[in-house]
Each structure stands twice: as C-alpha cells, then as structure tokens.
Amino acid sequence: MQIIQLNKHLKNNRNRMIEGKKCSSIVLKTRKIGKWVDVSTDEIFKGKKVILFSLPGAFTPTCSEKQLPGFEKNYDKLLSLGVNEVYCISVNDGFVMNAWAEQQKLTKVKVLPDGNADFTRSMGMLIDKKHLGFGLRSWRYCAIINDGIVEKWWQEDGMNNDGSDPDPYEQTTPENCIEYLSSK
C-alpha cells in the first residue's frame, strides 16, 4: 500500500498536476434507509459540475466546526454560481458518515463514505495518521469537478504522514470556491 507524501518543493506544481485529471471510477459503499447502496463516482460526476471536499475524519474538530458547516452555510451561493451539488467525502464508513451528517443537522451538503480509501488513494491524497490512532485518512482537499474532470483543485499545505502539521484549514474553504466561480 502506497502512502503519498508530497515534497514541499512540488507543492506549487501539485494543482497543475491534478487539474485536468479525470477522476477514477470508484464504487462507494453507502448506507441509505438501513441498506447498503453502491454509488459510483461516475454517477455522481457525469454531466454535472460538483464541489467535492475531503477531510481527515467525521466528528473531528476542524472538520465539524469549520469545514463542513462552512460548505453547508454557503451551499445555496455555490449552486447559484453554477454548481449542481456539493459533496463531502472522508475515509470513514457509511454508518459514521450518516451519524455525523445527522449530528451536524445537514440538509444540503451530501456525505460520501470512502471506507476503503479507494477514491482518496486514486486522488493521491491518502496519508497515514497513525500518530493519532486514526490510521489511513485523507489529506484535506477541495475540488471543482466538471463532468468527471478536475477543473480546479485546492489542498492544504504541509501534506505529511508524521503529524508535523497543525491540521491546516486555509485553502479548502467554500470562500475560495466562491471566489473562483465568481471570476468565471
């Protein structure tokens, strides 16, 4: 299993490497009304412009207090700028993601479980947070995906596997999405 660690000197080129990339076709195991439902990323992205943001884990402080609530609050503004849907994906199972959505009282943003980290791995964003007892998780990123192609990409600085980061949240905000979409 490969864990990605981004060299600091490559950081500025990272967006250019991802933008224009076709997202992998991955089946996510979701829970809906007490049943397992397979959802393909092809179904989510095909023919639509979506915002997909990823975070290290449901119920964690920055994710629960800033990032997810920020996208929920700005959902209508994002849709008014031409986005069809906003999704939050995390390396958590369907039970955890649904419980978190309920606890957060989400009514707009859709949550996607990436329990096996297949999508996260395909995006090159899988990191190891074993120093916190989390195991494999996603680095924090945000993308505008247009018909399955990454149109715009943001990720937080300092991607690493050793915990040498303050859990940054500056780049992957709904405000940055709004600024980008407003400029088009």
C-alpha atoms as a PDB file:
ATOM      1  CA  MET A   1       0.000   0.000   0.000  1.00  0.00           C
ATOM      2  CA  GLN A   2       1.410   3.328  -1.046  1.00  0.00           C
ATOM      3  CA  ILE A   3       1.027   6.374   1.166  1.00  0.00           C
ATOM      4  CA  ILE A   4       1.649   9.624  -0.641  1.00  0.00           C
ATOM      5  CA  GLN A   5       3.923  12.228   0.853  1.00  0.00           C
ATOM      6  CA  LEU A   6       4.292  15.420  -1.125  1.00  0.00           C
ATOM      7  CA  ASN A   7       7.674  17.078  -1.217  1.00  0.00           C
ATOM      8  CA  LYS A   8       7.444  20.730  -0.270  1.00  0.00           C
ATOM      9  CA  HIS A   9       9.180  21.887  -3.463  1.00  0.00           C
ATOM     10  CA  LEU A  10       6.427  20.208  -5.532  1.00  0.00           C
ATOM     11  CA  LYS A  11       3.585  21.975  -3.719  1.00  0.00           C
ATOM     12  CA  ASN A  12       3.174  24.765  -6.269  1.00  0.00           C
ATOM     13  CA  ASN A  13       3.019  22.256  -9.112  1.00  0.00           C
ATOM     14  CA  ARG A  14       0.508  19.976  -7.355  1.00  0.00           C
ATOM     15  CA  ASN A  15      -2.553  21.921  -8.544  1.00  0.00           C
ATOM     16  CA  ARG A  16      -1.332  21.806 -12.143  1.00  0.00           C
ATOM     17  CA  MET A  17      -0.753  18.045 -11.845  1.00  0.00           C
ATOM     18  CA  ILE A  18      -4.310  17.396 -10.644  1.00  0.00           C
ATOM     19  CA  GLU A  19      -6.295  19.960 -12.621  1.00  0.00           C
ATOM     20  CA  GLY A  20      -7.423  18.361 -15.868  1.00  0.00           C
ATOM     21  CA  LYS A  21      -7.239  14.849 -14.381  1.00  0.00           C
ATOM     22  CA  LYS A  22     -10.181  12.507 -14.896  1.00  0.00           C
ATOM     23  CA  CYS A  23     -11.473  11.159 -11.608  1.00  0.00           C
ATOM     24  CA  SER A  24     -11.262   7.403 -11.201  1.00  0.00           C
ATOM     25  CA  SER A  25     -14.431   5.355 -11.363  1.00  0.00           C
ATOM     26  CA  ILE A  26     -14.822   4.049  -7.818  1.00  0.00           C
ATOM     27  CA  VAL A  27     -17.796   2.383  -6.131  1.00  0.00           C
ATOM     28  CA  LEU A  28     -18.520   3.819  -2.685  1.00  0.00           C
ATOM     29  CA  LYS A  29     -20.414   1.732  -0.127  1.00  0.00           C
ATOM     30  CA  THR A  30     -23.149   3.981   1.277  1.00  0.00           C
ATOM     31  CA  ARG A  31     -25.996   3.347   3.731  1.00  0.00           C
ATOM     32  CA  LYS A  32     -29.490   4.534   2.821  1.00  0.00           C
ATOM     33  CA  ILE A  33     -32.614   3.671   4.779  1.00  0.00           C
ATOM     34  CA  GLY A  34     -30.914   0.735   6.516  1.00  0.00           C
ATOM     35  CA  LYS A  35     -29.492  -0.859   3.366  1.00  0.00           C
ATOM     36  CA  TRP A  36     -26.140  -0.922   1.635  1.00  0.00           C
ATOM     37  CA  VAL A  37     -26.240   1.025  -1.615  1.00  0.00           C
ATOM     38  CA  ASP A  38     -23.354   1.102  -4.054  1.00  0.00           C
ATOM     39  CA  VAL A  39     -22.800   4.558  -5.526  1.00  0.00           C
ATOM     40  CA  SER A  40     -20.374   5.026  -8.385  1.00  0.00           C
ATOM     41  CA  THR A  41     -18.343   8.198  -8.663  1.00  0.00           C
ATOM     42  CA  ASP A  42     -19.326   8.111 -12.349  1.00  0.00           C
ATOM     43  CA  GLU A  43     -22.974   8.591 -11.274  1.00  0.00           C
ATOM     44  CA  ILE A  44     -22.001  11.467  -9.002  1.00  0.00           C
ATOM     45  CA  PHE A  45     -19.857  13.354 -11.535  1.00  0.00           C
ATOM     46  CA  LYS A  46     -21.226  12.530 -15.004  1.00  0.00           C
ATOM     47  CA  GLY A  47     -22.714  15.558 -16.752  1.00  0.00           C
ATOM     48  CA  LYS A  48     -22.534  17.710 -13.605  1.00  0.00           C
ATOM     49  CA  LYS A  49     -20.365  20.352 -12.015  1.00  0.00           C
ATOM     50  CA  VAL A  50     -19.825  19.405  -8.390  1.00  0.00           C
ATOM     51  CA  ILE A  51     -17.734  20.511  -5.470  1.00  0.00           C
ATOM     52  CA  LEU A  52     -16.071  17.660  -3.639  1.00  0.00           C
ATOM     53  CA  PHE A  53     -14.224  18.391  -0.430  1.00  0.00           C
ATOM     54  CA  SER A  54     -12.372  15.880   1.663  1.00  0.00           C
ATOM     55  CA  LEU A  55     -11.306  15.957   5.250  1.00  0.00           C
ATOM     56  CA  PRO A  56      -9.446  13.721   7.700  1.00  0.00           C
ATOM     57  CA  GLY A  57     -12.432  12.500   9.676  1.00  0.00           C
ATOM     58  CA  ALA A  58     -16.020  12.856  10.738  1.00  0.00           C
ATOM     59  CA  PHE A  59     -16.549  14.274  14.235  1.00  0.00           C
ATOM     60  CA  THR A  60     -13.063  15.831  14.350  1.00  0.00           C
ATOM     61  CA  PRO A  61     -12.816  19.478  15.475  1.00  0.00           C
ATOM     62  CA  THR A  62     -11.786  21.401  12.334  1.00  0.00           C
ATOM     63  CA  CYS A  63     -13.990  19.246  10.125  1.00  0.00           C
ATOM     64  CA  SER A  64     -17.044  19.589  12.393  1.00  0.00           C
ATOM     65  CA  GLU A  65     -16.639  23.190  13.487  1.00  0.00           C
ATOM     66  CA  LYS A  66     -15.379  24.878  10.317  1.00  0.00           C
ATOM     67  CA  GLN A  67     -15.168  22.998   7.020  1.00  0.00           C
ATOM     68  CA  LEU A  68     -18.458  21.059   6.851  1.00  0.00           C
ATOM     69  CA  PRO A  69     -20.576  23.842   8.412  1.00  0.00           C
ATOM     70  CA  GLY A  70     -18.959  26.365   6.059  1.00  0.00           C
ATOM     71  CA  PHE A  71     -19.998  24.423   2.980  1.00  0.00           C
ATOM     72  CA  GLU A  72     -23.490  23.830   4.380  1.00  0.00           C
ATOM     73  CA  LYS A  73     -23.884  27.568   5.055  1.00  0.00           C
ATOM     74  CA  ASN A  74     -22.626  28.534   1.564  1.00  0.00           C
ATOM     75  CA  TYR A  75     -24.456  25.762  -0.328  1.00  0.00           C
ATOM     76  CA  ASP A  76     -27.090  28.000  -1.961  1.00  0.00           C
ATOM     77  CA  LYS A  77     -24.476  30.557  -3.026  1.00  0.00           C
ATOM     78  CA  LEU A  78     -22.374  27.786  -4.606  1.00  0.00           C
ATOM     79  CA  LEU A  79     -25.379  26.465  -6.511  1.00  0.00           C
ATOM     80  CA  SER A  80     -26.210  29.982  -7.700  1.00  0.00           C
ATOM     81  CA  LEU A  81     -22.734  30.062  -9.284  1.00  0.00           C
ATOM     82  CA  GLY A  82     -23.404  27.020 -11.467  1.00  0.00           C
ATOM     83  CA  VAL A  83     -22.578  24.095  -9.184  1.00  0.00           C
ATOM     84  CA  ASN A  84     -25.043  21.181  -9.305  1.00  0.00           C
ATOM     85  CA  GLU A  85     -24.134  19.570  -5.973  1.00  0.00           C
ATOM     86  CA  VAL A  86     -21.720  19.721  -3.033  1.00  0.00           C
ATOM     87  CA  TYR A  87     -20.254  16.533  -1.552  1.00  0.00           C
ATOM     88  CA  CYS A  88     -18.112  15.847   1.494  1.00  0.00           C
ATOM     89  CA  ILE A  89     -16.010  12.680   1.285  1.00  0.00           C
ATOM     90  CA  SER A  90     -13.969  11.128   4.072  1.00  0.00           C
ATOM     91  CA  VAL A  91     -12.193   7.863   4.832  1.00  0.00           C
ATOM     92  CA  ASN A  92     -14.987   6.744   7.139  1.00  0.00           C
ATOM     93  CA  ASP A  93     -17.700   4.113   6.733  1.00  0.00           C
ATOM     94  CA  GLY A  94     -21.319   4.787   5.822  1.00  0.00           C
ATOM     95  CA  PHE A  95     -22.544   4.425   9.414  1.00  0.00           C
ATOM     96  CA  VAL A  96     -20.116   7.071  10.671  1.00  0.00           C
ATOM     97  CA  MET A  97     -20.784   9.485   7.799  1.00  0.00           C
ATOM     98  CA  ASN A  98     -24.564   9.217   8.232  1.00  0.00           C
ATOM     99  CA  ALA A  99     -24.334   9.684  12.015  1.00  0.00           C
ATOM    100  CA  TRP A 100     -22.121  12.718  11.505  1.00  0.00           C
ATOM    101  CA  ALA A 101     -24.497  14.216   8.919  1.00  0.00           C
ATOM    102  CA  GLU A 102     -27.352  13.756  11.387  1.00  0.00           C
ATOM    103  CA  GLN A 103     -25.355  15.231  14.286  1.00  0.00           C
ATOM    104  CA  GLN A 104     -24.424  18.216  12.084  1.00  0.00           C
ATOM    105  CA  LYS A 105     -28.083  18.605  11.020  1.00  0.00           C
ATOM    106  CA  LEU A 106     -27.108  18.636   7.337  1.00  0.00           C
ATOM    107  CA  THR A 107     -29.907  19.389   4.905  1.00  0.00           C
ATOM    108  CA  LYS A 108     -27.899  20.378   1.829  1.00  0.00           C
ATOM    109  CA  VAL A 109     -24.349  19.007   1.579  1.00  0.00           C
ATOM    110  CA  LYS A 110     -24.258  15.272   0.769  1.00  0.00           C
ATOM    111  CA  VAL A 111     -21.796  13.000   2.581  1.00  0.00           C
ATOM    112  CA  LEU A 112     -19.894  10.193   0.874  1.00  0.00           C
ATOM    113  CA  PRO A 113     -18.100   7.415   2.757  1.00  0.00           C
ATOM    114  CA  ASP A 114     -14.771   6.245   1.339  1.00  0.00           C
ATOM    115  CA  GLY A 115     -14.382   3.462   3.883  1.00  0.00           C
ATOM    116  CA  ASN A 116     -11.728   1.560   1.930  1.00  0.00           C
ATOM    117  CA  ALA A 117      -9.961   4.798   0.905  1.00  0.00           C
ATOM    118  CA  ASP A 118     -10.187   3.753  -2.753  1.00  0.00           C
ATOM    119  CA  PHE A 119     -11.171   7.190  -4.064  1.00  0.00           C
ATOM    120  CA  THR A 120      -8.785   9.019  -1.740  1.00  0.00           C
ATOM    121  CA  ARG A 121      -5.931   6.772  -2.881  1.00  0.00           C
ATOM    122  CA  SER A 122      -6.838   7.368  -6.539  1.00  0.00           C
ATOM    123  CA  MET A 123      -6.584  11.136  -5.970  1.00  0.00           C
ATOM    124  CA  GLY A 124      -3.132  10.764  -4.393  1.00  0.00           C
ATOM    125  CA  MET A 125      -4.349  12.157  -1.073  1.00  0.00           C
ATOM    126  CA  LEU A 126      -4.069   9.142   1.255  1.00  0.00           C
ATOM    127  CA  ILE A 127      -1.942   9.786   4.322  1.00  0.00           C
ATOM    128  CA  ASP A 128      -1.177   7.872   7.499  1.00  0.00           C
ATOM    129  CA  LYS A 129      -2.346   9.451  10.748  1.00  0.00           C
ATOM    130  CA  LYS A 130      -1.318   6.548  12.982  1.00  0.00           C
ATOM    131  CA  HIS A 131       0.369   9.022  15.325  1.00  0.00           C
ATOM    132  CA  LEU A 132      -3.207   9.995  16.319  1.00  0.00           C
ATOM    133  CA  GLY A 133      -4.606   6.450  16.186  1.00  0.00           C
ATOM    134  CA  PHE A 134      -6.617   7.328  13.061  1.00  0.00           C
ATOM    135  CA  GLY A 135      -4.844   5.004  10.617  1.00  0.00           C
ATOM    136  CA  LEU A 136      -5.146   5.885   6.935  1.00  0.00           C
ATOM    137  CA  ARG A 137      -7.015   9.120   6.209  1.00  0.00           C
ATOM    138  CA  SER A 138      -7.391  11.789   3.586  1.00  0.00           C
ATOM    139  CA  TRP A 139      -5.397  14.970   3.474  1.00  0.00           C
ATOM    140  CA  ARG A 140      -7.715  17.971   3.362  1.00  0.00           C
ATOM    141  CA  TYR A 141      -8.536  18.985  -0.244  1.00  0.00           C
ATOM    142  CA  CYS A 142     -11.310  20.548  -2.288  1.00  0.00           C
ATOM    143  CA  ALA A 143     -12.071  20.248  -5.994  1.00  0.00           C
ATOM    144  CA  ILE A 144     -14.484  21.542  -8.549  1.00  0.00           C
ATOM    145  CA  ILE A 145     -15.194  18.568 -10.776  1.00  0.00           C
ATOM    146  CA  ASN A 146     -16.813  19.202 -14.127  1.00  0.00           C
ATOM    147  CA  ASP A 147     -18.213  16.071 -15.843  1.00  0.00           C
ATOM    148  CA  GLY A 148     -15.652  13.879 -14.065  1.00  0.00           C
ATOM    149  CA  ILE A 149     -12.656  16.141 -14.779  1.00  0.00           C
ATOM    150  CA  VAL A 150     -10.928  18.159 -12.039  1.00  0.00           C
ATOM    151  CA  GLU A 151     -11.421  21.765 -13.121  1.00  0.00           C
ATOM    152  CA  LYS A 152      -9.994  23.442 -10.015  1.00  0.00           C
ATOM    153  CA  TRP A 153      -8.016  21.995  -7.104  1.00  0.00           C
ATOM    154  CA  TRP A 154      -7.073  23.213  -3.643  1.00  0.00           C
ATOM    155  CA  GLN A 155      -5.269  21.355  -0.892  1.00  0.00           C
ATOM    156  CA  GLU A 156      -3.845  22.349   2.428  1.00  0.00           C
ATOM    157  CA  ASP A 157      -0.116  22.911   2.784  1.00  0.00           C
ATOM    158  CA  GLY A 158       2.130  20.524   4.683  1.00  0.00           C
ATOM    159  CA  MET A 159       0.897  17.121   3.482  1.00  0.00           C
ATOM    160  CA  ASN A 160       2.735  14.506   5.567  1.00  0.00           C
ATOM    161  CA  ASN A 161       2.469  11.182   7.360  1.00  0.00           C
ATOM    162  CA  ASP A 162       4.151  12.112  10.619  1.00  0.00           C
ATOM    163  CA  GLY A 163       1.835  14.667  12.197  1.00  0.00           C
ATOM    164  CA  SER A 164       4.137  17.606  11.607  1.00  0.00           C
ATOM    165  CA  ASP A 165       1.207  19.833  10.706  1.00  0.00           C
ATOM    166  CA  PRO A 166      -1.246  21.961  12.694  1.00  0.00           C
ATOM    167  CA  ASP A 167      -4.248  20.478  10.751  1.00  0.00           C
ATOM    168  CA  PRO A 168      -4.384  23.467   8.396  1.00  0.00           C
ATOM    169  CA  TYR A 169      -7.640  24.830   7.008  1.00  0.00           C
ATOM    170  CA  GLU A 170      -6.949  27.817   4.773  1.00  0.00           C
ATOM    171  CA  GLN A 171      -7.081  26.676   1.133  1.00  0.00           C
ATOM    172  CA  THR A 172     -10.032  24.262   1.049  1.00  0.00           C
ATOM    173  CA  THR A 173     -12.761  26.710   2.012  1.00  0.00           C
ATOM    174  CA  PRO A 174     -16.126  27.443   0.430  1.00  0.00           C
ATOM    175  CA  GLU A 175     -14.998  31.062   0.142  1.00  0.00           C
ATOM    176  CA  ASN A 176     -12.176  30.034  -2.207  1.00  0.00           C
ATOM    177  CA  CYS A 177     -14.700  28.110  -4.324  1.00  0.00           C
ATOM    178  CA  ILE A 178     -16.979  31.146  -4.423  1.00  0.00           C
ATOM    179  CA  GLU A 179     -14.114  33.432  -5.402  1.00  0.00           C
ATOM    180  CA  TYR A 180     -13.056  31.087  -8.220  1.00  0.00           C
ATOM    181  CA  LEU A 181     -16.595  30.523  -9.536  1.00  0.00           C
ATOM    182  CA  SER A 182     -17.384  34.243  -9.354  1.00  0.00           C
ATOM    183  CA  SER A 183     -14.369  35.044 -11.525  1.00  0.00           C
ATOM    184  CA  LYS A 184     -15.538  32.816 -14.383  1.00  0.00           C
END
